[in-house]
Amino acid sequence: MNCIYCNNKKLYELKSGQLKCSECKKKFSLQKVQRDFELIEYFSQNFTASQTANKLGLNYLTVKTKFELFRALIVNLLEQDYQDKDVLEYDEYIYLCQSKK
């Protein structure tokens, strides 16, 4: 396994069960990483935060916070894609205020 922060291969296990990277010195828990992958899976399948919390046995606020984070990341990604896209004349015409009247 590699470090989730710097992709370094040298990790060592701490007494608490966490892994620590020898390069960037950051600690992380495999259980939390696995939980995040499960949350992403349920989020992508359009489960609600309440349904996901019940199925995984997690706190509702934890799931809700993660789902909000996923939505914010998606919005940032789509906004960046839109900013990088070349605007066509047709796109500009549709969104002009005068054409809405």
PDB file of N, CA and C in Angstrom:
ATOM      1  N   MET A   1       0.838  -1.186   0.000  1.00  0.00           N
ATOM      2  CA  MET A   1       0.000   0.000   0.000  1.00  0.00           C
ATOM      3  C   MET A   1       0.878   1.242   0.000  1.00  0.00           C
ATOM      4  N   ASN A   2       0.376   2.300  -0.626  1.00  0.00           N
ATOM      5  CA  ASN A   2       1.088   3.565  -0.701  1.00  0.00           C
ATOM      6  C   ASN A   2       0.422   4.597   0.202  1.00  0.00           C
ATOM      7  N   CYS A   3       1.164   5.634   0.515  1.00  0.00           N
ATOM      8  CA  CYS A   3       0.634   6.744   1.307  1.00  0.00           C
ATOM      9  C   CYS A   3      -0.457   7.453   0.500  1.00  0.00           C
ATOM     10  N   ILE A   4      -1.563   7.788   1.158  1.00  0.00           N
ATOM     11  CA  ILE A   4      -2.663   8.452   0.459  1.00  0.00           C
ATOM     12  C   ILE A   4      -2.370   9.930   0.219  1.00  0.00           C
ATOM     13  N   TYR A   5      -1.345  10.466   0.850  1.00  0.00           N
ATOM     14  CA  TYR A   5      -1.012  11.880   0.698  1.00  0.00           C
ATOM     15  C   TYR A   5       0.107  12.107  -0.322  1.00  0.00           C
ATOM     16  N   CYS A   6       1.191  11.329  -0.232  1.00  0.00           N
ATOM     17  CA  CYS A   6       2.346  11.578  -1.097  1.00  0.00           C
ATOM     18  C   CYS A   6       2.701  10.385  -1.978  1.00  0.00           C
ATOM     19  N   ASN A   7       1.969   9.283  -1.884  1.00  0.00           N
ATOM     20  CA  ASN A   7       2.162   8.081  -2.700  1.00  0.00           C
ATOM     21  C   ASN A   7       3.494   7.385  -2.433  1.00  0.00           C
ATOM     22  N   ASN A   8       4.050   7.589  -1.258  1.00  0.00           N
ATOM     23  CA  ASN A   8       5.283   6.925  -0.868  1.00  0.00           C
ATOM     24  C   ASN A   8       4.974   5.476  -0.477  1.00  0.00           C
ATOM     25  N   LYS A   9       5.906   4.578  -0.754  1.00  0.00           N
ATOM     26  CA  LYS A   9       5.675   3.158  -0.471  1.00  0.00           C
ATOM     27  C   LYS A   9       6.083   2.744   0.939  1.00  0.00           C
ATOM     28  N   LYS A  10       6.882   3.546   1.612  1.00  0.00           N
ATOM     29  CA  LYS A  10       7.353   3.168   2.938  1.00  0.00           C
ATOM     30  C   LYS A  10       6.390   3.667   4.016  1.00  0.00           C
ATOM     31  N   LEU A  11       5.620   2.738   4.549  1.00  0.00           N
ATOM     32  CA  LEU A  11       4.684   3.023   5.634  1.00  0.00           C
ATOM     33  C   LEU A  11       5.012   2.117   6.793  1.00  0.00           C
ATOM     34  N   TYR A  12       4.730   2.603   7.978  1.00  0.00           N
ATOM     35  CA  TYR A  12       4.862   1.708   9.123  1.00  0.00           C
ATOM     36  C   TYR A  12       3.647   1.850  10.017  1.00  0.00           C
ATOM     37  N   GLU A  13       3.335   0.764  10.697  1.00  0.00           N
ATOM     38  CA  GLU A  13       2.127   0.718  11.507  1.00  0.00           C
ATOM     39  C   GLU A  13       2.425   1.188  12.929  1.00  0.00           C
ATOM     40  N   LEU A  14       1.543   2.026  13.427  1.00  0.00           N
ATOM     41  CA  LEU A  14       1.672   2.528  14.792  1.00  0.00           C
ATOM     42  C   LEU A  14       0.936   1.608  15.757  1.00  0.00           C
ATOM     43  N   LYS A  15       1.171   1.804  17.023  1.00  0.00           N
ATOM     44  CA  LYS A  15       0.531   0.993  18.048  1.00  0.00           C
ATOM     45  C   LYS A  15      -0.991   1.145  18.028  1.00  0.00           C
ATOM     46  N   SER A  16      -1.468   2.319  17.625  1.00  0.00           N
ATOM     47  CA  SER A  16      -2.900   2.598  17.595  1.00  0.00           C
ATOM     48  C   SER A  16      -3.600   1.953  16.397  1.00  0.00           C
ATOM     49  N   GLY A  17      -2.836   1.327  15.494  1.00  0.00           N
ATOM     50  CA  GLY A  17      -3.416   0.711  14.315  1.00  0.00           C
ATOM     51  C   GLY A  17      -3.376   1.604  13.099  1.00  0.00           C
ATOM     52  N   GLN A  18      -2.952   2.836  13.260  1.00  0.00           N
ATOM     53  CA  GLN A  18      -2.841   3.755  12.135  1.00  0.00           C
ATOM     54  C   GLN A  18      -1.544   3.485  11.379  1.00  0.00           C
ATOM     55  N   LEU A  19      -1.493   3.992  10.156  1.00  0.00           N
ATOM     56  CA  LEU A  19      -0.279   3.917   9.356  1.00  0.00           C
ATOM     57  C   LEU A  19       0.355   5.298   9.298  1.00  0.00           C
ATOM     58  N   LYS A  20       1.678   5.326   9.282  1.00  0.00           N
ATOM     59  CA  LYS A  20       2.397   6.597   9.207  1.00  0.00           C
ATOM     60  C   LYS A  20       3.392   6.505   8.065  1.00  0.00           C
ATOM     61  N   CYS A  21       3.434   7.570   7.291  1.00  0.00           N
ATOM     62  CA  CYS A  21       4.335   7.636   6.143  1.00  0.00           C
ATOM     63  C   CYS A  21       5.721   8.063   6.602  1.00  0.00           C
ATOM     64  N   SER A  22       6.738   7.416   6.057  1.00  0.00           N
ATOM     65  CA  SER A  22       8.106   7.782   6.424  1.00  0.00           C
ATOM     66  C   SER A  22       8.576   9.035   5.692  1.00  0.00           C
ATOM     67  N   GLU A  23       7.898   9.404   4.623  1.00  0.00           N
ATOM     68  CA  GLU A  23       8.282  10.569   3.831  1.00  0.00           C
ATOM     69  C   GLU A  23       7.637  11.851   4.352  1.00  0.00           C
ATOM     70  N   CYS A  24       6.298  11.897   4.358  1.00  0.00           N
ATOM     71  CA  CYS A  24       5.594  13.129   4.730  1.00  0.00           C
ATOM     72  C   CYS A  24       5.200  13.154   6.208  1.00  0.00           C
ATOM     73  N   LYS A  25       5.388  12.050   6.917  1.00  0.00           N
ATOM     74  CA  LYS A  25       5.133  11.938   8.362  1.00  0.00           C
ATOM     75  C   LYS A  25       3.664  12.096   8.739  1.00  0.00           C
ATOM     76  N   LYS A  26       2.765  11.898   7.787  1.00  0.00           N
ATOM     77  CA  LYS A  26       1.335  11.997   8.093  1.00  0.00           C
ATOM     78  C   LYS A  26       0.792  10.635   8.483  1.00  0.00           C
ATOM     79  N   LYS A  27      -0.185  10.660   9.387  1.00  0.00           N
ATOM     80  CA  LYS A  27      -0.823   9.437   9.847  1.00  0.00           C
ATOM     81  C   LYS A  27      -2.214   9.337   9.246  1.00  0.00           C
ATOM     82  N   PHE A  28      -2.650   8.105   8.984  1.00  0.00           N
ATOM     83  CA  PHE A  28      -4.007   7.868   8.524  1.00  0.00           C
ATOM     84  C   PHE A  28      -4.447   6.477   8.935  1.00  0.00           C
ATOM     85  N   SER A  29      -5.754   6.319   8.997  1.00  0.00           N
ATOM     86  CA  SER A  29      -6.353   5.071   9.434  1.00  0.00           C
ATOM     87  C   SER A  29      -6.944   4.337   8.232  1.00  0.00           C
ATOM     88  N   LEU A  30      -6.655   3.065   8.131  1.00  0.00           N
ATOM     89  CA  LEU A  30      -7.215   2.274   7.039  1.00  0.00           C
ATOM     90  C   LEU A  30      -8.723   2.138   7.170  1.00  0.00           C
ATOM     91  N   GLN A  31      -9.231   2.090   8.402  1.00  0.00           N
ATOM     92  CA  GLN A  31     -10.670   1.975   8.608  1.00  0.00           C
ATOM     93  C   GLN A  31     -11.393   3.219   8.088  1.00  0.00           C
ATOM     94  N   LYS A  32     -10.823   4.391   8.323  1.00  0.00           N
ATOM     95  CA  LYS A  32     -11.447   5.627   7.836  1.00  0.00           C
ATOM     96  C   LYS A  32     -11.390   5.717   6.315  1.00  0.00           C
ATOM     97  N   VAL A  33     -10.305   5.268   5.727  1.00  0.00           N
ATOM     98  CA  VAL A  33     -10.191   5.266   4.271  1.00  0.00           C
ATOM     99  C   VAL A  33     -11.222   4.315   3.680  1.00  0.00           C
ATOM    100  N   GLN A  34     -11.367   3.127   4.279  1.00  0.00           N
ATOM    101  CA  GLN A  34     -12.361   2.165   3.810  1.00  0.00           C
ATOM    102  C   GLN A  34     -13.776   2.717   3.965  1.00  0.00           C
ATOM    103  N   ARG A  35     -14.038   3.396   5.088  1.00  0.00           N
ATOM    104  CA  ARG A  35     -15.345   4.002   5.318  1.00  0.00           C
ATOM    105  C   ARG A  35     -15.642   5.062   4.259  1.00  0.00           C
ATOM    106  N   ASP A  36     -14.647   5.865   3.910  1.00  0.00           N
ATOM    107  CA  ASP A  36     -14.839   6.894   2.891  1.00  0.00           C
ATOM    108  C   ASP A  36     -15.154   6.278   1.530  1.00  0.00           C
ATOM    109  N   PHE A  37     -14.500   5.170   1.196  1.00  0.00           N
ATOM    110  CA  PHE A  37     -14.805   4.485  -0.061  1.00  0.00           C
ATOM    111  C   PHE A  37     -16.232   3.955  -0.057  1.00  0.00           C
ATOM    112  N   GLU A  38     -16.681   3.431   1.069  1.00  0.00           N
ATOM    113  CA  GLU A  38     -18.063   2.957   1.168  1.00  0.00           C
ATOM    114  C   GLU A  38     -19.046   4.114   1.030  1.00  0.00           C
ATOM    115  N   LEU A  39     -18.730   5.250   1.643  1.00  0.00           N
ATOM    116  CA  LEU A  39     -19.595   6.417   1.530  1.00  0.00           C
ATOM    117  C   LEU A  39     -19.671   6.915   0.088  1.00  0.00           C
ATOM    118  N   ILE A  40     -18.555   6.905  -0.605  1.00  0.00           N
ATOM    119  CA  ILE A  40     -18.548   7.310  -2.007  1.00  0.00           C
ATOM    120  C   ILE A  40     -19.418   6.361  -2.834  1.00  0.00           C
ATOM    121  N   GLU A  41     -19.339   5.072  -2.536  1.00  0.00           N
ATOM    122  CA  GLU A  41     -20.143   4.081  -3.249  1.00  0.00           C
ATOM    123  C   GLU A  41     -21.634   4.352  -3.049  1.00  0.00           C
ATOM    124  N   TYR A  42     -22.053   4.573  -1.806  1.00  0.00           N
ATOM    125  CA  TYR A  42     -23.466   4.852  -1.535  1.00  0.00           C
ATOM    126  C   TYR A  42     -23.893   6.194  -2.128  1.00  0.00           C
ATOM    127  N   PHE A  43     -23.006   7.186  -2.085  1.00  0.00           N
ATOM    128  CA  PHE A  43     -23.306   8.492  -2.658  1.00  0.00           C
ATOM    129  C   PHE A  43     -23.530   8.385  -4.165  1.00  0.00           C
ATOM    130  N   SER A  44     -22.693   7.599  -4.831  1.00  0.00           N
ATOM    131  CA  SER A  44     -22.811   7.457  -6.282  1.00  0.00           C
ATOM    132  C   SER A  44     -24.047   6.658  -6.686  1.00  0.00           C
ATOM    133  N   GLN A  45     -24.600   5.879  -5.753  1.00  0.00           N
ATOM    134  CA  GLN A  45     -25.813   5.117  -6.038  1.00  0.00           C
ATOM    135  C   GLN A  45     -27.077   5.863  -5.600  1.00  0.00           C
ATOM    136  N   ASN A  46     -26.947   7.154  -5.294  1.00  0.00           N
ATOM    137  CA  ASN A  46     -28.064   8.040  -4.937  1.00  0.00           C
ATOM    138  C   ASN A  46     -28.814   7.630  -3.674  1.00  0.00           C
ATOM    139  N   PHE A  47     -28.120   7.060  -2.702  1.00  0.00           N
ATOM    140  CA  PHE A  47     -28.726   6.818  -1.401  1.00  0.00           C
ATOM    141  C   PHE A  47     -28.736   8.138  -0.631  1.00  0.00           C
ATOM    142  N   THR A  48     -29.724   8.332   0.214  1.00  0.00           N
ATOM    143  CA  THR A  48     -29.754   9.527   1.055  1.00  0.00           C
ATOM    144  C   THR A  48     -28.776   9.348   2.202  1.00  0.00           C
ATOM    145  N   ALA A  49     -28.488  10.442   2.881  1.00  0.00           N
ATOM    146  CA  ALA A  49     -27.581  10.376   4.025  1.00  0.00           C
ATOM    147  C   ALA A  49     -28.182   9.514   5.133  1.00  0.00           C
ATOM    148  N   SER A  50     -29.470   9.607   5.319  1.00  0.00           N
ATOM    149  CA  SER A  50     -30.139   8.812   6.349  1.00  0.00           C
ATOM    150  C   SER A  50     -30.076   7.320   6.026  1.00  0.00           C
ATOM    151  N   GLN A  51     -30.354   6.961   4.791  1.00  0.00           N
ATOM    152  CA  GLN A  51     -30.291   5.553   4.382  1.00  0.00           C
ATOM    153  C   GLN A  51     -28.872   5.017   4.532  1.00  0.00           C
ATOM    154  N   THR A  52     -27.897   5.807   4.123  1.00  0.00           N
ATOM    155  CA  THR A  52     -26.502   5.378   4.207  1.00  0.00           C
ATOM    156  C   THR A  52     -26.071   5.206   5.653  1.00  0.00           C
ATOM    157  N   ALA A  53     -26.463   6.142   6.506  1.00  0.00           N
ATOM    158  CA  ALA A  53     -26.108   6.046   7.924  1.00  0.00           C
ATOM    159  C   ALA A  53     -26.708   4.786   8.545  1.00  0.00           C
ATOM    160  N   ASN A  54     -27.937   4.466   8.192  1.00  0.00           N
ATOM    161  CA  ASN A  54     -28.574   3.266   8.731  1.00  0.00           C
ATOM    162  C   ASN A  54     -27.899   1.995   8.228  1.00  0.00           C
ATOM    163  N   LYS A  55     -27.560   1.945   6.940  1.00  0.00           N
ATOM    164  CA  LYS A  55     -26.955   0.741   6.365  1.00  0.00           C
ATOM    165  C   LYS A  55     -25.544   0.494   6.886  1.00  0.00           C
ATOM    166  N   LEU A  56     -24.773   1.559   7.058  1.00  0.00           N
ATOM    167  CA  LEU A  56     -23.387   1.410   7.492  1.00  0.00           C
ATOM    168  C   LEU A  56     -23.223   1.496   9.005  1.00  0.00           C
ATOM    169  N   GLY A  57     -24.293   1.877   9.705  1.00  0.00           N
ATOM    170  CA  GLY A  57     -24.200   1.999  11.159  1.00  0.00           C
ATOM    171  C   GLY A  57     -23.366   3.179  11.604  1.00  0.00           C
ATOM    172  N   LEU A  58     -23.434   4.273  10.847  1.00  0.00           N
ATOM    173  CA  LEU A  58     -22.666   5.479  11.171  1.00  0.00           C
ATOM    174  C   LEU A  58     -23.598   6.572  11.678  1.00  0.00           C
ATOM    175  N   ASN A  59     -23.014   7.601  12.245  1.00  0.00           N
ATOM    176  CA  ASN A  59     -23.761   8.753  12.705  1.00  0.00           C
ATOM    177  C   ASN A  59     -24.268   9.528  11.481  1.00  0.00           C
ATOM    178  N   TYR A  60     -25.503  10.004  11.560  1.00  0.00           N
ATOM    179  CA  TYR A  60     -26.118  10.734  10.443  1.00  0.00           C
ATOM    180  C   TYR A  60     -25.310  11.985  10.093  1.00  0.00           C
ATOM    181  N   LEU A  61     -24.850  12.730  11.108  1.00  0.00           N
ATOM    182  CA  LEU A  61     -24.117  13.971  10.834  1.00  0.00           C
ATOM    183  C   LEU A  61     -22.793  13.701  10.127  1.00  0.00           C
ATOM    184  N   THR A  62     -22.155  12.595  10.439  1.00  0.00           N
ATOM    185  CA  THR A  62     -20.913  12.229   9.761  1.00  0.00           C
ATOM    186  C   THR A  62     -21.170  11.998   8.288  1.00  0.00           C
ATOM    187  N   VAL A  63     -22.212  11.234   7.985  1.00  0.00           N
ATOM    188  CA  VAL A  63     -22.553  10.926   6.596  1.00  0.00           C
ATOM    189  C   VAL A  63     -22.984  12.190   5.874  1.00  0.00           C
ATOM    190  N   LYS A  64     -23.797  13.015   6.516  1.00  0.00           N
ATOM    191  CA  LYS A  64     -24.280  14.249   5.895  1.00  0.00           C
ATOM    192  C   LYS A  64     -23.111  15.179   5.568  1.00  0.00           C
ATOM    193  N   THR A  65     -22.165  15.294   6.476  1.00  0.00           N
ATOM    194  CA  THR A  65     -20.995  16.153   6.256  1.00  0.00           C
ATOM    195  C   THR A  65     -20.168  15.653   5.082  1.00  0.00           C
ATOM    196  N   LYS A  66     -19.962  14.347   5.004  1.00  0.00           N
ATOM    197  CA  LYS A  66     -19.189  13.778   3.896  1.00  0.00           C
ATOM    198  C   LYS A  66     -19.914  13.972   2.571  1.00  0.00           C
ATOM    199  N   PHE A  67     -21.243  13.774   2.563  1.00  0.00           N
ATOM    200  CA  PHE A  67     -22.018  13.968   1.338  1.00  0.00           C
ATOM    201  C   PHE A  67     -21.938  15.423   0.874  1.00  0.00           C
ATOM    202  N   GLU A  68     -21.978  16.365   1.802  1.00  0.00           N
ATOM    203  CA  GLU A  68     -21.836  17.784   1.451  1.00  0.00           C
ATOM    204  C   GLU A  68     -20.455  18.059   0.868  1.00  0.00           C
ATOM    205  N   LEU A  69     -19.428  17.416   1.426  1.00  0.00           N
ATOM    206  CA  LEU A  69     -18.079  17.565   0.900  1.00  0.00           C
ATOM    207  C   LEU A  69     -17.992  17.018  -0.517  1.00  0.00           C
ATOM    208  N   PHE A  70     -18.596  15.852  -0.757  1.00  0.00           N
ATOM    209  CA  PHE A  70     -18.596  15.275  -2.104  1.00  0.00           C
ATOM    210  C   PHE A  70     -19.281  16.216  -3.093  1.00  0.00           C
ATOM    211  N   ARG A  71     -20.415  16.786  -2.680  1.00  0.00           N
ATOM    212  CA  ARG A  71     -21.135  17.707  -3.572  1.00  0.00           C
ATOM    213  C   ARG A  71     -20.299  18.947  -3.877  1.00  0.00           C
ATOM    214  N   ALA A  72     -19.618  19.474  -2.861  1.00  0.00           N
ATOM    215  CA  ALA A  72     -18.769  20.654  -3.071  1.00  0.00           C
ATOM    216  C   ALA A  72     -17.618  20.335  -4.021  1.00  0.00           C
ATOM    217  N   LEU A  73     -17.034  19.165  -3.886  1.00  0.00           N
ATOM    218  CA  LEU A  73     -15.947  18.775  -4.787  1.00  0.00           C
ATOM    219  C   LEU A  73     -16.443  18.615  -6.217  1.00  0.00           C
ATOM    220  N   ILE A  74     -17.647  18.066  -6.373  1.00  0.00           N
ATOM    221  CA  ILE A  74     -18.227  17.911  -7.709  1.00  0.00           C
ATOM    222  C   ILE A  74     -18.493  19.273  -8.331  1.00  0.00           C
ATOM    223  N   VAL A  75     -19.032  20.208  -7.540  1.00  0.00           N
ATOM    224  CA  VAL A  75     -19.305  21.554  -8.044  1.00  0.00           C
ATOM    225  C   VAL A  75     -18.011  22.236  -8.475  1.00  0.00           C
ATOM    226  N   ASN A  76     -16.961  22.114  -7.667  1.00  0.00           N
ATOM    227  CA  ASN A  76     -15.676  22.723  -8.025  1.00  0.00           C
ATOM    228  C   ASN A  76     -15.114  22.121  -9.309  1.00  0.00           C
ATOM    229  N   LEU A  77     -15.234  20.801  -9.455  1.00  0.00           N
ATOM    230  CA  LEU A  77     -14.745  20.147 -10.662  1.00  0.00           C
ATOM    231  C   LEU A  77     -15.520  20.599 -11.900  1.00  0.00           C
ATOM    232  N   LEU A  78     -16.844  20.656 -11.788  1.00  0.00           N
ATOM    233  CA  LEU A  78     -17.655  21.090 -12.926  1.00  0.00           C
ATOM    234  C   LEU A  78     -17.415  22.553 -13.269  1.00  0.00           C
ATOM    235  N   GLU A  79     -17.233  23.380 -12.257  1.00  0.00           N
ATOM    236  CA  GLU A  79     -16.952  24.795 -12.494  1.00  0.00           C
ATOM    237  C   GLU A  79     -15.612  24.958 -13.200  1.00  0.00           C
ATOM    238  N   GLN A  80     -14.617  24.185 -12.788  1.00  0.00           N
ATOM    239  CA  GLN A  80     -13.299  24.247 -13.434  1.00  0.00           C
ATOM    240  C   GLN A  80     -13.388  23.768 -14.881  1.00  0.00           C
ATOM    241  N   ASP A  81     -14.153  22.703 -15.115  1.00  0.00           N
ATOM    242  CA  ASP A  81     -14.340  22.226 -16.492  1.00  0.00           C
ATOM    243  C   ASP A  81     -15.027  23.284 -17.348  1.00  0.00           C
ATOM    244  N   TYR A  82     -16.005  23.966 -16.768  1.00  0.00           N
ATOM    245  CA  TYR A  82     -16.712  25.015 -17.514  1.00  0.00           C
ATOM    246  C   TYR A  82     -15.777  26.185 -17.827  1.00  0.00           C
ATOM    247  N   GLN A  83     -14.942  26.563 -16.872  1.00  0.00           N
ATOM    248  CA  GLN A  83     -14.013  27.669 -17.087  1.00  0.00           C
ATOM    249  C   GLN A  83     -12.987  27.333 -18.170  1.00  0.00           C
ATOM    250  N   ASP A  84     -12.592  26.067 -18.247  1.00  0.00           N
ATOM    251  CA  ASP A  84     -11.592  25.655 -19.232  1.00  0.00           C
ATOM    252  C   ASP A  84     -12.181  25.461 -20.623  1.00  0.00           C
ATOM    253  N   LYS A  85     -13.504  25.368 -20.708  1.00  0.00           N
ATOM    254  CA  LYS A  85     -14.171  25.098 -21.979  1.00  0.00           C
ATOM    255  C   LYS A  85     -14.238  26.363 -22.830  1.00  0.00           C
ATOM    256  N   ASP A  86     -14.080  26.182 -24.133  1.00  0.00           N
ATOM    257  CA  ASP A  86     -14.254  27.299 -25.060  1.00  0.00           C
ATOM    258  C   ASP A  86     -15.750  27.560 -25.206  1.00  0.00           C
ATOM    259  N   VAL A  87     -16.137  28.826 -25.117  1.00  0.00           N
ATOM    260  CA  VAL A  87     -17.551  29.194 -25.222  1.00  0.00           C
ATOM    261  C   VAL A  87     -17.904  29.359 -26.690  1.00  0.00           C
ATOM    262  N   LEU A  88     -18.946  28.687 -27.091  1.00  0.00           N
ATOM    263  CA  LEU A  88     -19.438  28.808 -28.454  1.00  0.00           C
ATOM    264  C   LEU A  88     -20.402  29.982 -28.547  1.00  0.00           C
ATOM    265  N   GLU A  89     -20.570  30.510 -29.743  1.00  0.00           N
ATOM    266  CA  GLU A  89     -21.502  31.621 -29.938  1.00  0.00           C
ATOM    267  C   GLU A  89     -22.924  31.198 -29.587  1.00  0.00           C
ATOM    268  N   TYR A  90     -23.268  29.959 -29.884  1.00  0.00           N
ATOM    269  CA  TYR A  90     -24.597  29.450 -29.579  1.00  0.00           C
ATOM    270  C   TYR A  90     -24.835  29.440 -28.069  1.00  0.00           C
ATOM    271  N   ASP A  91     -23.832  29.054 -27.290  1.00  0.00           N
ATOM    272  CA  ASP A  91     -23.954  29.051 -25.832  1.00  0.00           C
ATOM    273  C   ASP A  91     -24.186  30.457 -25.299  1.00  0.00           C
ATOM    274  N   GLU A  92     -23.475  31.419 -25.856  1.00  0.00           N
ATOM    275  CA  GLU A  92     -23.638  32.795 -25.403  1.00  0.00           C
ATOM    276  C   GLU A  92     -25.031  33.310 -25.729  1.00  0.00           C
ATOM    277  N   TYR A  93     -25.564  32.933 -26.883  1.00  0.00           N
ATOM    278  CA  TYR A  93     -26.872  33.420 -27.301  1.00  0.00           C
ATOM    279  C   TYR A  93     -27.966  32.905 -26.382  1.00  0.00           C
ATOM    280  N   ILE A  94     -27.864  31.668 -25.948  1.00  0.00           N
ATOM    281  CA  ILE A  94     -28.899  31.078 -25.086  1.00  0.00           C
ATOM    282  C   ILE A  94     -28.967  31.800 -23.749  1.00  0.00           C
ATOM    283  N   TYR A  95     -27.848  32.207 -23.226  1.00  0.00           N
ATOM    284  CA  TYR A  95     -27.820  32.756 -21.882  1.00  0.00           C
ATOM    285  C   TYR A  95     -27.802  34.282 -21.817  1.00  0.00           C
ATOM    286  N   LEU A  96     -28.033  34.941 -22.938  1.00  0.00           N
ATOM    287  CA  LEU A  96     -28.126  36.383 -22.913  1.00  0.00           C
ATOM    288  C   LEU A  96     -29.442  36.787 -22.239  1.00  0.00           C
ATOM    289  N   CYS A  97     -29.417  37.852 -21.470  1.00  0.00           N
ATOM    290  CA  CYS A  97     -30.611  38.304 -20.767  1.00  0.00           C
ATOM    291  C   CYS A  97     -31.707  38.715 -21.735  1.00  0.00           C
ATOM    292  N   GLN A  98     -31.348  39.292 -22.868  1.00  0.00           N
ATOM    293  CA  GLN A  98     -32.354  39.739 -23.824  1.00  0.00           C
ATOM    294  C   GLN A  98     -33.094  38.559 -24.434  1.00  0.00           C
ATOM    295  N   SER A  99     -32.423  37.427 -24.600  1.00  0.00           N
ATOM    296  CA  SER A  99     -33.082  36.281 -25.230  1.00  0.00           C
ATOM    297  C   SER A  99     -34.048  35.598 -24.265  1.00  0.00           C
ATOM    298  N   LYS A 100     -33.939  35.865 -22.978  1.00  0.00           N
ATOM    299  CA  LYS A 100     -34.857  35.266 -22.010  1.00  0.00           C
ATOM    300  C   LYS A 100     -36.231  35.943 -22.047  1.00  0.00           C
ATOM    301  N   LYS A 101     -36.277  37.156 -22.567  1.00  0.00           N
ATOM    302  CA  LYS A 101     -37.536  37.882 -22.635  1.00  0.00           C
ATOM    303  C   LYS A 101     -38.326  37.325 -23.766  1.00  0.00           C
TER     304      LYS A 101
END
